[in-house]
Amino acid sequence: MSLDFSGKVAIITGAGGGLGRSHALALAARGARVVVNDMGGSVNGSGGADTAAAKVVAEIVELGGEAIADHCDITDVDAVAAMVATAVDKWGRVDILINNAGILRDKSFIKAELDDFRKVIDVHLMGSVICSKAVWPHMVEQNYGRILMTTSASGIYGNFGQANYGAAKSGVVGLMNVLAIEGERKGIRVNSLAPTAATRMTEDLLDEKTLALLAPESISPGALFMVSDDAPTKTILSAGAGVFAIARMEESQGVYIPEGALSPEVVAERWSEISDMTNSVQVPAAFDQTRRFVEKAVAEQPTT
């Protein structure tokens, strides 16, 4: 199977370097027309320059591809709408959105400033919301769309000093879950990529040998599959160093405690059963959990 993106239009945020650049080059090499979005700011989100996006566009064009640069702030609703409109005006559609842009403002929770916390959530979570909202009507109209969020192991598992980042990255998984459900009948598939890569965000944390293994190019093949015609939906793909794995949320089978015995002490006594993940369950949507719990409670009622 060969993945071909000819005729597809992709918008990639934060594509002036690192993972976004790698995704953009890889999609363009397979025929996609690409909007390279990047403010050109620092890792913490300060500053800005037009050169980062322009350089990636130049690389794509030099290799025979088609791309345009955009420098908007993804938290600016009007600017994002204009970016999407430019793509649609130029190429007639938008098929793929990769929400990749992000910043870091790491500090332990006790030292973290709330303004920094809000800024990180604004960029990672609200930026993904705003960009997804802007492309959504176009994808609904054409009955086709692929959206890829960028989450993180910090959001899935946690990481010291990254409460703001972890909260934001966990938030985009929640966004993915709902949009995947809402987009299913519209031909829109929504997934998340959880990369561990050598980028500006990690270059000061890892040695040179490890950084070489974690090159962004080792991750982009997974990203391309997750925005392809054959992509799954509502799926988290973890990727790094050429290794790919699925991360997912599951529930244990659950334990019913009857009303007469219901107490914190009984929960404690039965904790080993409650936390037993043997035959764990994947819940499709929120109400499926409600239905499952009610059915289990009803089944446990004494017969008369």
C-alpha atoms as a PDB file:
ATOM      1  CA  MET A   1       0.000   0.000   0.000  1.00  0.00           C
ATOM      2  CA  SER A   2       1.353   3.399  -0.991  1.00  0.00           C
ATOM      3  CA  LEU A   3      -0.093   6.503   0.633  1.00  0.00           C
ATOM      4  CA  ASP A   4      -0.781   9.222  -1.919  1.00  0.00           C
ATOM      5  CA  PHE A   5      -1.907  12.703  -0.886  1.00  0.00           C
ATOM      6  CA  SER A   6      -2.201  14.151  -4.391  1.00  0.00           C
ATOM      7  CA  GLY A   7      -5.010  16.696  -4.516  1.00  0.00           C
ATOM      8  CA  LYS A   8      -5.224  16.946  -0.737  1.00  0.00           C
ATOM      9  CA  VAL A   9      -4.811  20.286   1.037  1.00  0.00           C
ATOM     10  CA  ALA A  10      -3.160  20.259   4.451  1.00  0.00           C
ATOM     11  CA  ILE A  11      -2.758  22.948   7.102  1.00  0.00           C
ATOM     12  CA  ILE A  12       0.010  22.328   9.617  1.00  0.00           C
ATOM     13  CA  THR A  13       0.502  24.662  12.552  1.00  0.00           C
ATOM     14  CA  GLY A  14       3.916  25.155  14.096  1.00  0.00           C
ATOM     15  CA  ALA A  15       5.462  23.885  10.858  1.00  0.00           C
ATOM     16  CA  GLY A  16       8.465  26.206  10.721  1.00  0.00           C
ATOM     17  CA  GLY A  17      10.721  23.629  12.374  1.00  0.00           C
ATOM     18  CA  GLY A  18      10.888  20.327  14.210  1.00  0.00           C
ATOM     19  CA  LEU A  19       7.931  17.982  13.898  1.00  0.00           C
ATOM     20  CA  GLY A  20       5.743  20.391  11.953  1.00  0.00           C
ATOM     21  CA  ARG A  21       8.409  20.935   9.315  1.00  0.00           C
ATOM     22  CA  SER A  22       8.949  17.190   9.034  1.00  0.00           C
ATOM     23  CA  HIS A  23       5.203  16.582   8.611  1.00  0.00           C
ATOM     24  CA  ALA A  24       4.959  19.335   6.002  1.00  0.00           C
ATOM     25  CA  LEU A  25       7.867  18.056   3.921  1.00  0.00           C
ATOM     26  CA  ALA A  26       6.588  14.483   4.091  1.00  0.00           C
ATOM     27  CA  LEU A  27       3.051  15.414   3.023  1.00  0.00           C
ATOM     28  CA  ALA A  28       4.300  17.642   0.212  1.00  0.00           C
ATOM     29  CA  ALA A  29       6.591  14.885  -1.033  1.00  0.00           C
ATOM     30  CA  ARG A  30       3.495  12.705  -1.477  1.00  0.00           C
ATOM     31  CA  GLY A  31       1.528  15.312  -3.382  1.00  0.00           C
ATOM     32  CA  ALA A  32      -0.270  17.374  -0.743  1.00  0.00           C
ATOM     33  CA  ARG A  33      -0.527  21.131  -1.059  1.00  0.00           C
ATOM     34  CA  VAL A  34       0.525  22.550   2.275  1.00  0.00           C
ATOM     35  CA  VAL A  35      -0.147  25.644   4.352  1.00  0.00           C
ATOM     36  CA  VAL A  36       2.945  26.056   6.535  1.00  0.00           C
ATOM     37  CA  ASN A  37       1.848  28.000   9.605  1.00  0.00           C
ATOM     38  CA  ASP A  38       4.389  29.309  12.082  1.00  0.00           C
ATOM     39  CA  MET A  39       4.737  32.558  14.034  1.00  0.00           C
ATOM     40  CA  GLY A  40       8.489  32.058  14.253  1.00  0.00           C
ATOM     41  CA  GLY A  41       8.557  32.681  17.992  1.00  0.00           C
ATOM     42  CA  SER A  42      10.738  31.197  20.710  1.00  0.00           C
ATOM     43  CA  VAL A  43       9.992  27.966  22.570  1.00  0.00           C
ATOM     44  CA  ASN A  44       8.216  29.924  25.312  1.00  0.00           C
ATOM     45  CA  GLY A  45       6.048  31.708  22.755  1.00  0.00           C
ATOM     46  CA  SER A  46       7.732  35.096  22.801  1.00  0.00           C
ATOM     47  CA  GLY A  47       8.763  37.040  19.718  1.00  0.00           C
ATOM     48  CA  GLY A  48       7.978  36.169  16.134  1.00  0.00           C
ATOM     49  CA  ALA A  49       9.396  36.213  12.615  1.00  0.00           C
ATOM     50  CA  ASP A  50       8.175  35.351   9.124  1.00  0.00           C
ATOM     51  CA  THR A  51      11.325  33.492   8.146  1.00  0.00           C
ATOM     52  CA  ALA A  52      10.648  30.052   9.697  1.00  0.00           C
ATOM     53  CA  ALA A  53       7.523  29.287   7.651  1.00  0.00           C
ATOM     54  CA  ALA A  54       8.995  30.880   4.528  1.00  0.00           C
ATOM     55  CA  LYS A  55      12.084  28.645   4.689  1.00  0.00           C
ATOM     56  CA  VAL A  56       9.981  25.481   4.847  1.00  0.00           C
ATOM     57  CA  VAL A  57       7.856  26.677   1.934  1.00  0.00           C
ATOM     58  CA  ALA A  58      11.042  27.314  -0.037  1.00  0.00           C
ATOM     59  CA  GLU A  59      12.245  23.777   0.729  1.00  0.00           C
ATOM     60  CA  ILE A  60       8.959  22.309  -0.488  1.00  0.00           C
ATOM     61  CA  VAL A  61       8.909  24.386  -3.662  1.00  0.00           C
ATOM     62  CA  GLU A  62      12.540  23.520  -4.410  1.00  0.00           C
ATOM     63  CA  LEU A  63      11.619  19.837  -4.215  1.00  0.00           C
ATOM     64  CA  GLY A  64       8.782  20.355  -6.675  1.00  0.00           C
ATOM     65  CA  GLY A  65       5.944  20.700  -4.204  1.00  0.00           C
ATOM     66  CA  GLU A  66       3.324  23.360  -3.623  1.00  0.00           C
ATOM     67  CA  ALA A  67       3.031  25.343  -0.398  1.00  0.00           C
ATOM     68  CA  ILE A  68       2.222  28.736   1.057  1.00  0.00           C
ATOM     69  CA  ALA A  69       3.366  30.338   4.308  1.00  0.00           C
ATOM     70  CA  ASP A  70       1.139  31.687   7.047  1.00  0.00           C
ATOM     71  CA  HIS A  71       2.329  33.462  10.176  1.00  0.00           C
ATOM     72  CA  CYS A  72      -0.845  33.877  12.201  1.00  0.00           C
ATOM     73  CA  ASP A  73      -1.251  33.365  15.918  1.00  0.00           C
ATOM     74  CA  ILE A  74      -3.417  30.251  16.254  1.00  0.00           C
ATOM     75  CA  THR A  75      -5.167  31.758  19.286  1.00  0.00           C
ATOM     76  CA  ASP A  76      -6.460  34.609  17.101  1.00  0.00           C
ATOM     77  CA  VAL A  77      -9.883  33.503  15.822  1.00  0.00           C
ATOM     78  CA  ASP A  78     -10.067  36.005  12.962  1.00  0.00           C
ATOM     79  CA  ALA A  79      -6.505  35.353  11.820  1.00  0.00           C
ATOM     80  CA  VAL A  80      -7.066  31.577  11.771  1.00  0.00           C
ATOM     81  CA  ALA A  81     -10.293  32.051   9.804  1.00  0.00           C
ATOM     82  CA  ALA A  82      -8.329  34.118   7.297  1.00  0.00           C
ATOM     83  CA  MET A  83      -5.658  31.419   7.020  1.00  0.00           C
ATOM     84  CA  VAL A  84      -8.270  28.765   6.250  1.00  0.00           C
ATOM     85  CA  ALA A  85     -10.038  31.086   3.796  1.00  0.00           C
ATOM     86  CA  THR A  86      -6.753  31.659   1.962  1.00  0.00           C
ATOM     87  CA  ALA A  87      -6.234  27.914   1.576  1.00  0.00           C
ATOM     88  CA  VAL A  88      -9.791  27.377   0.338  1.00  0.00           C
ATOM     89  CA  ASP A  89      -9.606  30.354  -2.056  1.00  0.00           C
ATOM     90  CA  LYS A  90      -6.316  29.096  -3.507  1.00  0.00           C
ATOM     91  CA  TRP A  91      -6.954  25.356  -3.632  1.00  0.00           C
ATOM     92  CA  GLY A  92     -10.712  24.945  -3.238  1.00  0.00           C
ATOM     93  CA  ARG A  93     -10.761  22.790  -0.116  1.00  0.00           C
ATOM     94  CA  VAL A  94      -9.031  21.767   3.089  1.00  0.00           C
ATOM     95  CA  ASP A  95      -8.653  18.061   3.819  1.00  0.00           C
ATOM     96  CA  ILE A  96      -6.111  17.812   6.604  1.00  0.00           C
ATOM     97  CA  LEU A  97      -5.348  19.790   9.740  1.00  0.00           C
ATOM     98  CA  ILE A  98      -2.403  18.913  11.947  1.00  0.00           C
ATOM     99  CA  ASN A  99      -2.556  20.872  15.206  1.00  0.00           C
ATOM    100  CA  ASN A 100       1.138  20.873  16.014  1.00  0.00           C
ATOM    101  CA  ALA A 101       1.974  24.382  17.291  1.00  0.00           C
ATOM    102  CA  GLY A 102       2.957  24.650  20.931  1.00  0.00           C
ATOM    103  CA  ILE A 103       5.055  26.376  23.569  1.00  0.00           C
ATOM    104  CA  LEU A 104       6.711  25.430  26.838  1.00  0.00           C
ATOM    105  CA  ARG A 105       6.746  27.299  30.137  1.00  0.00           C
ATOM    106  CA  ASP A 106       7.865  24.564  32.507  1.00  0.00           C
ATOM    107  CA  LYS A 107       7.974  25.046  36.267  1.00  0.00           C
ATOM    108  CA  SER A 108       6.999  22.969  39.258  1.00  0.00           C
ATOM    109  CA  PHE A 109       3.380  23.612  40.231  1.00  0.00           C
ATOM    110  CA  ILE A 110       4.301  25.558  43.359  1.00  0.00           C
ATOM    111  CA  LYS A 111       6.457  27.954  41.315  1.00  0.00           C
ATOM    112  CA  ALA A 112       4.256  28.194  38.231  1.00  0.00           C
ATOM    113  CA  GLU A 113       2.653  31.534  37.410  1.00  0.00           C
ATOM    114  CA  LEU A 114      -1.026  31.365  36.535  1.00  0.00           C
ATOM    115  CA  ASP A 115      -0.486  33.659  33.551  1.00  0.00           C
ATOM    116  CA  ASP A 116       1.973  31.120  32.130  1.00  0.00           C
ATOM    117  CA  PHE A 117      -0.497  28.328  32.865  1.00  0.00           C
ATOM    118  CA  ARG A 118      -3.234  30.131  30.942  1.00  0.00           C
ATOM    119  CA  LYS A 119      -0.905  30.900  28.029  1.00  0.00           C
ATOM    120  CA  VAL A 120       0.163  27.270  27.600  1.00  0.00           C
ATOM    121  CA  ILE A 121      -3.442  26.072  27.695  1.00  0.00           C
ATOM    122  CA  ASP A 122      -4.449  28.861  25.320  1.00  0.00           C
ATOM    123  CA  VAL A 123      -1.886  27.850  22.696  1.00  0.00           C
ATOM    124  CA  HIS A 124      -2.101  24.059  22.913  1.00  0.00           C
ATOM    125  CA  LEU A 125      -5.764  23.514  23.721  1.00  0.00           C
ATOM    126  CA  MET A 126      -7.583  26.627  22.520  1.00  0.00           C
ATOM    127  CA  GLY A 127      -5.300  26.882  19.484  1.00  0.00           C
ATOM    128  CA  SER A 128      -6.370  23.360  18.538  1.00  0.00           C
ATOM    129  CA  VAL A 129     -10.012  24.264  19.185  1.00  0.00           C
ATOM    130  CA  ILE A 130      -9.847  27.438  17.087  1.00  0.00           C
ATOM    131  CA  CYS A 131      -8.093  25.798  14.135  1.00  0.00           C
ATOM    132  CA  SER A 132     -10.381  22.743  14.223  1.00  0.00           C
ATOM    133  CA  LYS A 133     -13.440  24.981  14.422  1.00  0.00           C
ATOM    134  CA  ALA A 134     -12.264  26.956  11.386  1.00  0.00           C
ATOM    135  CA  VAL A 135     -11.806  23.907   9.140  1.00  0.00           C
ATOM    136  CA  TRP A 136     -14.807  21.951  10.446  1.00  0.00           C
ATOM    137  CA  PRO A 137     -17.538  23.471   8.204  1.00  0.00           C
ATOM    138  CA  HIS A 138     -15.414  22.844   5.106  1.00  0.00           C
ATOM    139  CA  MET A 139     -14.819  19.233   6.097  1.00  0.00           C
ATOM    140  CA  VAL A 140     -18.512  18.717   6.841  1.00  0.00           C
ATOM    141  CA  GLU A 141     -19.493  20.190   3.470  1.00  0.00           C
ATOM    142  CA  GLN A 142     -17.088  17.971   1.521  1.00  0.00           C
ATOM    143  CA  ASN A 143     -17.918  14.940   3.713  1.00  0.00           C
ATOM    144  CA  TYR A 144     -14.213  14.368   4.295  1.00  0.00           C
ATOM    145  CA  GLY A 145     -11.632  15.537   6.780  1.00  0.00           C
ATOM    146  CA  ARG A 146      -8.667  14.410   8.807  1.00  0.00           C
ATOM    147  CA  ILE A 147      -7.624  16.212  11.997  1.00  0.00           C
ATOM    148  CA  LEU A 148      -4.562  15.240  14.011  1.00  0.00           C
ATOM    149  CA  MET A 149      -4.062  16.668  17.474  1.00  0.00           C
ATOM    150  CA  THR A 150      -0.631  16.666  19.063  1.00  0.00           C
ATOM    151  CA  THR A 151      -0.796  15.345  22.600  1.00  0.00           C
ATOM    152  CA  SER A 152       2.088  14.180  24.785  1.00  0.00           C
ATOM    153  CA  ALA A 153       3.135  11.521  27.260  1.00  0.00           C
ATOM    154  CA  SER A 154       3.111  14.396  29.745  1.00  0.00           C
ATOM    155  CA  GLY A 155      -0.633  14.692  29.241  1.00  0.00           C
ATOM    156  CA  ILE A 156      -1.262  10.953  29.211  1.00  0.00           C
ATOM    157  CA  TYR A 157       1.056   9.890  32.050  1.00  0.00           C
ATOM    158  CA  GLY A 158       2.315  13.103  33.665  1.00  0.00           C
ATOM    159  CA  ASN A 159       5.763  14.662  33.959  1.00  0.00           C
ATOM    160  CA  PHE A 160       7.343  16.716  36.732  1.00  0.00           C
ATOM    161  CA  GLY A 161       7.267  20.453  36.135  1.00  0.00           C
ATOM    162  CA  GLN A 162       4.718  20.301  33.341  1.00  0.00           C
ATOM    163  CA  ALA A 163       1.336  20.764  35.013  1.00  0.00           C
ATOM    164  CA  ASN A 164       0.327  23.427  32.485  1.00  0.00           C
ATOM    165  CA  TYR A 165       1.587  21.465  29.484  1.00  0.00           C
ATOM    166  CA  GLY A 166       0.193  18.173  30.764  1.00  0.00           C
ATOM    167  CA  ALA A 167      -3.235  19.685  31.403  1.00  0.00           C
ATOM    168  CA  ALA A 168      -3.307  21.196  27.913  1.00  0.00           C
ATOM    169  CA  LYS A 169      -2.124  17.999  26.241  1.00  0.00           C
ATOM    170  CA  SER A 170      -4.673  15.926  28.135  1.00  0.00           C
ATOM    171  CA  GLY A 171      -7.285  18.453  27.062  1.00  0.00           C
ATOM    172  CA  VAL A 172      -6.639  17.885  23.361  1.00  0.00           C
ATOM    173  CA  VAL A 173      -7.318  14.170  23.882  1.00  0.00           C
ATOM    174  CA  GLY A 174     -10.726  15.060  25.297  1.00  0.00           C
ATOM    175  CA  LEU A 175     -11.283  17.323  22.295  1.00  0.00           C
ATOM    176  CA  MET A 176     -10.291  14.475  19.965  1.00  0.00           C
ATOM    177  CA  ASN A 177     -12.702  12.073  21.648  1.00  0.00           C
ATOM    178  CA  VAL A 178     -15.708  14.348  21.143  1.00  0.00           C
ATOM    179  CA  LEU A 179     -14.824  15.527  17.629  1.00  0.00           C
ATOM    180  CA  ALA A 180     -14.274  11.924  16.527  1.00  0.00           C
ATOM    181  CA  ILE A 181     -17.800  11.068  17.655  1.00  0.00           C
ATOM    182  CA  GLU A 182     -19.341  14.163  16.057  1.00  0.00           C
ATOM    183  CA  GLY A 183     -17.357  13.768  12.840  1.00  0.00           C
ATOM    184  CA  GLU A 184     -17.955  10.060  12.286  1.00  0.00           C
ATOM    185  CA  ARG A 185     -21.057  10.464  10.096  1.00  0.00           C
ATOM    186  CA  LYS A 186     -19.467  13.361   8.217  1.00  0.00           C
ATOM    187  CA  GLY A 187     -16.435  11.461   6.982  1.00  0.00           C
ATOM    188  CA  ILE A 188     -14.196  13.285   9.458  1.00  0.00           C
ATOM    189  CA  ARG A 189     -11.663  11.240  11.408  1.00  0.00           C
ATOM    190  CA  VAL A 190      -9.896  12.778  14.386  1.00  0.00           C
ATOM    191  CA  ASN A 191      -6.819  11.328  16.052  1.00  0.00           C
ATOM    192  CA  SER A 192      -3.917  12.316  18.291  1.00  0.00           C
ATOM    193  CA  LEU A 193      -0.173  11.913  17.972  1.00  0.00           C
ATOM    194  CA  ALA A 194       1.893  11.599  21.156  1.00  0.00           C
ATOM    195  CA  PRO A 195       5.446  12.180  19.916  1.00  0.00           C
ATOM    196  CA  THR A 196       8.717  12.016  21.760  1.00  0.00           C
ATOM    197  CA  ALA A 197      11.081  13.833  19.451  1.00  0.00           C
ATOM    198  CA  ALA A 198      14.289  15.813  19.217  1.00  0.00           C
ATOM    199  CA  THR A 199      13.009  19.374  18.787  1.00  0.00           C
ATOM    200  CA  ARG A 200      13.705  22.814  20.236  1.00  0.00           C
ATOM    201  CA  MET A 201      11.539  21.738  23.164  1.00  0.00           C
ATOM    202  CA  THR A 202      13.758  18.753  24.065  1.00  0.00           C
ATOM    203  CA  GLU A 203      17.236  19.565  22.760  1.00  0.00           C
ATOM    204  CA  ASP A 204      18.470  20.796  26.151  1.00  0.00           C
ATOM    205  CA  LEU A 205      17.209  17.688  27.959  1.00  0.00           C
ATOM    206  CA  LEU A 206      18.787  14.845  25.978  1.00  0.00           C
ATOM    207  CA  ASP A 207      22.260  13.726  24.884  1.00  0.00           C
ATOM    208  CA  GLU A 208      23.325  13.784  21.231  1.00  0.00           C
ATOM    209  CA  LYS A 209      22.953  10.026  20.664  1.00  0.00           C
ATOM    210  CA  THR A 210      19.401  10.045  22.005  1.00  0.00           C
ATOM    211  CA  LEU A 211      18.520  13.163  20.028  1.00  0.00           C
ATOM    212  CA  ALA A 212      19.704  11.434  16.845  1.00  0.00           C
ATOM    213  CA  LEU A 213      17.387   8.488  17.515  1.00  0.00           C
ATOM    214  CA  LEU A 214      14.464  10.819  18.195  1.00  0.00           C
ATOM    215  CA  ALA A 215      14.663  12.767  14.942  1.00  0.00           C
ATOM    216  CA  PRO A 216      11.271  14.172  13.862  1.00  0.00           C
ATOM    217  CA  GLU A 217      11.577  12.171  10.653  1.00  0.00           C
ATOM    218  CA  SER A 218      11.200   9.001  12.747  1.00  0.00           C
ATOM    219  CA  ILE A 219       7.712  10.159  13.754  1.00  0.00           C
ATOM    220  CA  SER A 220       6.189  11.741  10.649  1.00  0.00           C
ATOM    221  CA  PRO A 221       5.399   8.399   8.929  1.00  0.00           C
ATOM    222  CA  GLY A 222       2.945   7.736  11.758  1.00  0.00           C
ATOM    223  CA  ALA A 223       1.464  11.218  11.440  1.00  0.00           C
ATOM    224  CA  LEU A 224       0.905  10.708   7.714  1.00  0.00           C
ATOM    225  CA  PHE A 225      -0.915   7.438   8.259  1.00  0.00           C
ATOM    226  CA  MET A 226      -3.124   9.106  10.883  1.00  0.00           C
ATOM    227  CA  VAL A 227      -4.291  11.693   8.319  1.00  0.00           C
ATOM    228  CA  SER A 228      -4.599   9.297   5.392  1.00  0.00           C
ATOM    229  CA  ASP A 229      -7.753   7.937   3.769  1.00  0.00           C
ATOM    230  CA  ASP A 230      -7.305   4.714   5.759  1.00  0.00           C
ATOM    231  CA  ALA A 231      -6.708   6.403   9.119  1.00  0.00           C
ATOM    232  CA  PRO A 232      -8.492   5.128  12.215  1.00  0.00           C
ATOM    233  CA  THR A 233     -10.400   7.585  14.374  1.00  0.00           C
ATOM    234  CA  LYS A 234     -10.419   8.451  18.072  1.00  0.00           C
ATOM    235  CA  THR A 235      -6.967   6.905  18.401  1.00  0.00           C
ATOM    236  CA  ILE A 236      -3.782   8.036  20.153  1.00  0.00           C
ATOM    237  CA  LEU A 237      -0.595   7.027  18.364  1.00  0.00           C
ATOM    238  CA  SER A 238       2.552   7.284  20.467  1.00  0.00           C
ATOM    239  CA  ALA A 239       5.728   7.598  18.427  1.00  0.00           C
ATOM    240  CA  GLY A 240       9.449   8.113  18.836  1.00  0.00           C
ATOM    241  CA  ALA A 241      12.786   6.692  17.616  1.00  0.00           C
ATOM    242  CA  GLY A 242      10.942   4.691  14.957  1.00  0.00           C
ATOM    243  CA  VAL A 243       8.752   2.988  17.563  1.00  0.00           C
ATOM    244  CA  PHE A 244       4.958   3.245  17.268  1.00  0.00           C
ATOM    245  CA  ALA A 245       2.398   2.220  19.880  1.00  0.00           C
ATOM    246  CA  ILE A 246      -1.241   2.828  20.744  1.00  0.00           C
ATOM    247  CA  ALA A 247      -2.138   4.553  24.020  1.00  0.00           C
ATOM    248  CA  ARG A 248      -5.699   4.290  25.272  1.00  0.00           C
ATOM    249  CA  MET A 249      -7.988   4.745  28.259  1.00  0.00           C
ATOM    250  CA  GLU A 250      -9.682   1.697  29.734  1.00  0.00           C
ATOM    251  CA  GLU A 251     -11.881   0.800  32.679  1.00  0.00           C
ATOM    252  CA  SER A 252     -11.816  -2.236  34.887  1.00  0.00           C
ATOM    253  CA  GLN A 253     -14.849  -4.519  34.793  1.00  0.00           C
ATOM    254  CA  GLY A 254     -16.210  -2.786  37.882  1.00  0.00           C
ATOM    255  CA  VAL A 255     -17.646  -3.991  41.160  1.00  0.00           C
ATOM    256  CA  TYR A 256     -21.227  -3.470  42.298  1.00  0.00           C
ATOM    257  CA  ILE A 257     -21.677  -2.652  45.982  1.00  0.00           C
ATOM    258  CA  PRO A 258     -25.307  -2.878  47.154  1.00  0.00           C
ATOM    259  CA  GLU A 259     -26.879   0.084  48.907  1.00  0.00           C
ATOM    260  CA  GLY A 260     -26.937  -1.584  52.332  1.00  0.00           C
ATOM    261  CA  ALA A 261     -23.188  -2.224  52.201  1.00  0.00           C
ATOM    262  CA  LEU A 262     -22.160   0.995  50.454  1.00  0.00           C
ATOM    263  CA  SER A 263     -19.443   2.758  52.449  1.00  0.00           C
ATOM    264  CA  PRO A 264     -15.873   4.018  52.035  1.00  0.00           C
ATOM    265  CA  GLU A 265     -14.692   1.053  54.091  1.00  0.00           C
ATOM    266  CA  VAL A 266     -16.237  -1.442  51.684  1.00  0.00           C
ATOM    267  CA  VAL A 267     -14.675   0.401  48.737  1.00  0.00           C
ATOM    268  CA  ALA A 268     -11.321   0.041  50.505  1.00  0.00           C
ATOM    269  CA  GLU A 269     -11.930  -3.642  51.277  1.00  0.00           C
ATOM    270  CA  ARG A 270     -12.793  -4.422  47.678  1.00  0.00           C
ATOM    271  CA  TRP A 271     -10.131  -2.207  46.113  1.00  0.00           C
ATOM    272  CA  SER A 272      -8.166  -5.133  44.688  1.00  0.00           C
ATOM    273  CA  GLU A 273     -11.282  -6.207  42.758  1.00  0.00           C
ATOM    274  CA  ILE A 274     -12.165  -2.646  41.694  1.00  0.00           C
ATOM    275  CA  SER A 275      -8.650  -2.012  40.386  1.00  0.00           C
ATOM    276  CA  ASP A 276      -8.253  -5.396  38.658  1.00  0.00           C
ATOM    277  CA  MET A 277      -7.672  -4.572  34.986  1.00  0.00           C
ATOM    278  CA  THR A 278      -8.157  -8.158  33.813  1.00  0.00           C
ATOM    279  CA  ASN A 279     -10.651  -8.073  30.939  1.00  0.00           C
ATOM    280  CA  SER A 280     -10.599  -4.283  30.932  1.00  0.00           C
ATOM    281  CA  VAL A 281     -13.185  -2.391  28.901  1.00  0.00           C
ATOM    282  CA  GLN A 282     -12.865   0.340  26.280  1.00  0.00           C
ATOM    283  CA  VAL A 283     -15.863   2.660  26.545  1.00  0.00           C
ATOM    284  CA  PRO A 284     -16.994   4.143  23.195  1.00  0.00           C
ATOM    285  CA  ALA A 285     -18.664   7.255  24.642  1.00  0.00           C
ATOM    286  CA  ALA A 286     -19.772   8.763  27.950  1.00  0.00           C
ATOM    287  CA  PHE A 287     -23.321   7.416  27.932  1.00  0.00           C
ATOM    288  CA  ASP A 288     -22.014   3.918  27.207  1.00  0.00           C
ATOM    289  CA  GLN A 289     -20.343   4.055  30.608  1.00  0.00           C
ATOM    290  CA  THR A 290     -23.643   5.071  32.221  1.00  0.00           C
ATOM    291  CA  ARG A 291     -25.436   2.230  30.444  1.00  0.00           C
ATOM    292  CA  ARG A 292     -22.779  -0.288  31.467  1.00  0.00           C
ATOM    293  CA  PHE A 293     -22.936   0.709  35.134  1.00  0.00           C
ATOM    294  CA  VAL A 294     -26.726   0.626  35.227  1.00  0.00           C
ATOM    295  CA  GLU A 295     -26.848  -2.766  33.533  1.00  0.00           C
ATOM    296  CA  LYS A 296     -24.297  -4.143  35.979  1.00  0.00           C
ATOM    297  CA  ALA A 297     -26.228  -2.796  38.962  1.00  0.00           C
ATOM    298  CA  VAL A 298     -29.509  -4.197  37.658  1.00  0.00           C
ATOM    299  CA  ALA A 299     -27.942  -7.592  37.008  1.00  0.00           C
ATOM    300  CA  GLU A 300     -26.690  -7.730  40.603  1.00  0.00           C
ATOM    301  CA  GLN A 301     -30.114  -7.091  42.137  1.00  0.00           C
ATOM    302  CA  PRO A 302     -31.545 -10.017  44.105  1.00  0.00           C
ATOM    303  CA  THR A 303     -34.327 -11.911  42.383  1.00  0.00           C
ATOM    304  CA  THR A 304     -37.687 -12.016  44.076  1.00  0.00           C
END
